[in-house]
């Protein structure tokens, strides 16, 4: 399934136990000026899982070497 968002803004980071677990975004599926009341379109918040442990490992390898 592919979601197509017209507007993505307000990024956020969800951190648990010092590790990034997800990113959040406010999204809209059509241009803001075309959004009318009661038309089935509204802003939504999406949560995108993120592998913060893999990022931490990559960063350590880049900093300290393999």
N, C-alpha and C. Protein backbone atom coordinates (compact mmCIF):
# COMPACT_ATOMS: atom_id res chain seq x y z
N UNK A 1 0.84 -1.18 0.00
CA UNK A 1 0.00 0.00 0.00
C UNK A 1 0.89 1.24 0.00
N UNK A 2 0.56 2.19 -0.84
CA UNK A 2 1.32 3.43 -0.93
C UNK A 2 0.41 4.59 -0.52
N UNK A 3 0.88 5.39 0.40
CA UNK A 3 0.17 6.59 0.80
C UNK A 3 0.83 7.78 0.12
N UNK A 4 0.02 8.67 -0.40
CA UNK A 4 0.54 9.87 -1.04
C UNK A 4 0.03 11.08 -0.27
N UNK A 5 0.97 11.82 0.30
CA UNK A 5 0.61 12.98 1.11
C UNK A 5 1.00 14.24 0.35
N UNK A 6 0.07 15.18 0.28
CA UNK A 6 0.30 16.45 -0.41
C UNK A 6 1.16 17.37 0.44
N UNK A 7 0.98 17.30 1.74
CA UNK A 7 1.69 18.20 2.64
C UNK A 7 2.15 17.39 3.85
N UNK A 8 3.43 17.49 4.18
CA UNK A 8 3.99 16.85 5.36
C UNK A 8 4.71 17.92 6.15
N UNK A 9 4.37 18.03 7.45
CA UNK A 9 5.01 19.05 8.28
C UNK A 9 5.03 18.60 9.73
N UNK A 10 5.56 19.42 10.58
CA UNK A 10 5.64 19.21 12.03
C UNK A 10 6.28 17.86 12.40
N UNK A 11 7.51 17.63 11.93
CA UNK A 11 8.16 16.37 12.30
C UNK A 11 8.43 16.32 13.80
N UNK A 12 8.33 15.14 14.34
CA UNK A 12 8.63 14.91 15.73
C UNK A 12 9.40 13.61 15.88
N UNK A 13 10.08 13.48 17.00
CA UNK A 13 10.87 12.28 17.26
C UNK A 13 10.38 11.65 18.56
N UNK A 14 10.10 10.35 18.50
CA UNK A 14 9.71 9.61 19.70
C UNK A 14 10.94 8.85 20.18
N UNK A 15 11.38 9.14 21.41
CA UNK A 15 12.56 8.51 21.99
C UNK A 15 12.14 7.72 23.21
N UNK A 16 12.61 6.48 23.28
CA UNK A 16 12.32 5.61 24.42
C UNK A 16 13.63 5.01 24.91
N UNK A 17 13.91 5.15 26.17
CA UNK A 17 15.16 4.64 26.76
C UNK A 17 16.39 5.18 26.02
N UNK A 18 16.32 6.43 25.58
CA UNK A 18 17.45 7.07 24.92
C UNK A 18 17.67 6.65 23.48
N UNK A 19 16.74 5.91 22.89
CA UNK A 19 16.88 5.43 21.51
C UNK A 19 15.69 5.91 20.69
N UNK A 20 15.97 6.45 19.50
CA UNK A 20 14.90 6.88 18.61
C UNK A 20 14.12 5.66 18.15
N UNK A 21 12.81 5.66 18.40
CA UNK A 21 11.96 4.52 18.04
C UNK A 21 11.04 4.84 16.86
N UNK A 22 10.69 6.13 16.69
CA UNK A 22 9.75 6.49 15.62
C UNK A 22 9.85 7.98 15.31
N UNK A 23 9.37 8.33 14.14
CA UNK A 23 9.20 9.74 13.73
C UNK A 23 7.71 9.96 13.55
N UNK A 24 7.24 11.15 13.91
CA UNK A 24 5.84 11.49 13.70
C UNK A 24 5.76 12.69 12.75
N UNK A 25 4.70 12.73 11.96
CA UNK A 25 4.49 13.82 11.02
C UNK A 25 3.01 14.16 10.96
N UNK A 26 2.70 15.44 10.77
CA UNK A 26 1.34 15.87 10.47
C UNK A 26 1.23 15.88 8.95
N UNK A 27 0.18 15.25 8.41
CA UNK A 27 0.05 15.14 6.95
C UNK A 27 -1.35 15.54 6.49
N UNK A 28 -1.44 15.92 5.23
CA UNK A 28 -2.71 16.25 4.60
C UNK A 28 -2.66 15.67 3.19
N UNK A 29 -3.76 15.06 2.75
CA UNK A 29 -3.75 14.35 1.46
C UNK A 29 -4.21 15.20 0.28
N UNK A 30 -4.39 16.48 0.47
CA UNK A 30 -4.72 17.38 -0.63
C UNK A 30 -4.24 18.77 -0.26
N UNK A 31 -4.16 19.70 -1.22
CA UNK A 31 -3.72 21.05 -0.87
C UNK A 31 -4.61 21.66 0.22
N UNK A 32 -3.99 22.34 1.15
CA UNK A 32 -4.71 22.88 2.31
C UNK A 32 -5.90 23.74 1.91
N UNK A 33 -5.76 24.54 0.85
CA UNK A 33 -6.86 25.42 0.44
C UNK A 33 -8.04 24.65 -0.15
N UNK A 34 -7.84 23.38 -0.50
CA UNK A 34 -8.94 22.55 -1.01
C UNK A 34 -9.64 21.75 0.09
N UNK A 35 -9.13 21.81 1.30
CA UNK A 35 -9.72 21.07 2.42
C UNK A 35 -10.98 21.80 2.90
N UNK A 36 -12.11 21.16 2.78
CA UNK A 36 -13.40 21.73 3.20
C UNK A 36 -13.94 20.91 4.38
N UNK A 37 -14.77 21.53 5.18
CA UNK A 37 -15.37 20.82 6.31
C UNK A 37 -16.25 19.66 5.86
N UNK A 38 -16.23 18.58 6.60
CA UNK A 38 -17.06 17.39 6.33
C UNK A 38 -16.86 16.78 4.95
N UNK A 39 -15.65 16.86 4.40
CA UNK A 39 -15.42 16.25 3.08
C UNK A 39 -14.58 14.97 3.15
N UNK A 40 -14.29 14.50 4.33
CA UNK A 40 -13.51 13.27 4.47
C UNK A 40 -12.01 13.50 4.45
N UNK A 41 -11.59 14.71 4.18
CA UNK A 41 -10.17 15.04 4.21
C UNK A 41 -9.91 15.83 5.49
N UNK A 42 -8.86 15.49 6.15
CA UNK A 42 -8.46 16.22 7.35
C UNK A 42 -6.99 15.92 7.60
N UNK A 43 -6.37 16.75 8.40
CA UNK A 43 -4.98 16.44 8.73
C UNK A 43 -4.94 15.20 9.61
N UNK A 44 -3.87 14.49 9.49
CA UNK A 44 -3.68 13.26 10.25
C UNK A 44 -2.27 13.27 10.82
N UNK A 45 -2.05 12.48 11.84
CA UNK A 45 -0.70 12.27 12.35
C UNK A 45 -0.30 10.86 12.00
N UNK A 46 0.84 10.72 11.34
CA UNK A 46 1.34 9.40 11.02
C UNK A 46 2.58 9.12 11.87
N UNK A 47 2.78 7.86 12.17
CA UNK A 47 3.93 7.41 12.95
C UNK A 47 4.74 6.47 12.07
N UNK A 48 6.01 6.79 11.88
CA UNK A 48 6.89 5.99 11.05
C UNK A 48 7.93 5.33 11.95
N UNK A 49 7.89 4.00 12.05
CA UNK A 49 8.87 3.30 12.90
C UNK A 49 10.30 3.61 12.44
N UNK A 50 11.22 3.62 13.40
CA UNK A 50 12.61 3.95 13.09
C UNK A 50 13.51 3.03 13.90
N UNK A 51 14.55 2.50 13.28
CA UNK A 51 15.48 1.60 13.95
C UNK A 51 16.64 2.40 14.54
N UNK A 52 16.40 2.98 15.69
CA UNK A 52 17.41 3.79 16.35
C UNK A 52 18.61 3.00 16.82
N UNK A 53 18.41 1.74 17.15
CA UNK A 53 19.54 0.90 17.57
C UNK A 53 20.53 0.71 16.41
N UNK A 54 20.02 0.50 15.21
CA UNK A 54 20.89 0.37 14.04
C UNK A 54 21.62 1.68 13.77
N UNK A 55 20.95 2.81 13.95
CA UNK A 55 21.60 4.11 13.76
C UNK A 55 22.71 4.30 14.78
N UNK A 56 22.45 3.95 16.03
CA UNK A 56 23.48 4.07 17.07
C UNK A 56 24.69 3.20 16.73
N UNK A 57 24.46 1.98 16.28
CA UNK A 57 25.55 1.08 15.92
C UNK A 57 26.35 1.65 14.75
N UNK A 58 25.65 2.15 13.75
CA UNK A 58 26.32 2.76 12.59
C UNK A 58 27.18 3.95 13.03
N UNK A 59 26.63 4.80 13.90
CA UNK A 59 27.36 5.98 14.37
C UNK A 59 28.62 5.57 15.14
N UNK A 60 28.51 4.54 15.97
CA UNK A 60 29.68 4.06 16.72
C UNK A 60 30.75 3.53 15.77
N UNK A 61 30.34 2.78 14.76
CA UNK A 61 31.29 2.24 13.79
C UNK A 61 31.98 3.36 13.02
N UNK A 62 31.23 4.40 12.68
CA UNK A 62 31.82 5.52 11.93
C UNK A 62 32.79 6.31 12.81
N UNK A 63 32.46 6.44 14.08
CA UNK A 63 33.29 7.24 14.99
C UNK A 63 34.53 6.46 15.45
N UNK A 64 34.31 5.21 15.87
CA UNK A 64 35.40 4.41 16.45
C UNK A 64 36.06 3.46 15.46
N UNK A 65 35.45 3.28 14.29
CA UNK A 65 35.96 2.32 13.33
C UNK A 65 35.40 0.94 13.62
N UNK A 66 35.56 0.05 12.69
CA UNK A 66 34.96 -1.29 12.85
C UNK A 66 35.81 -2.20 13.68
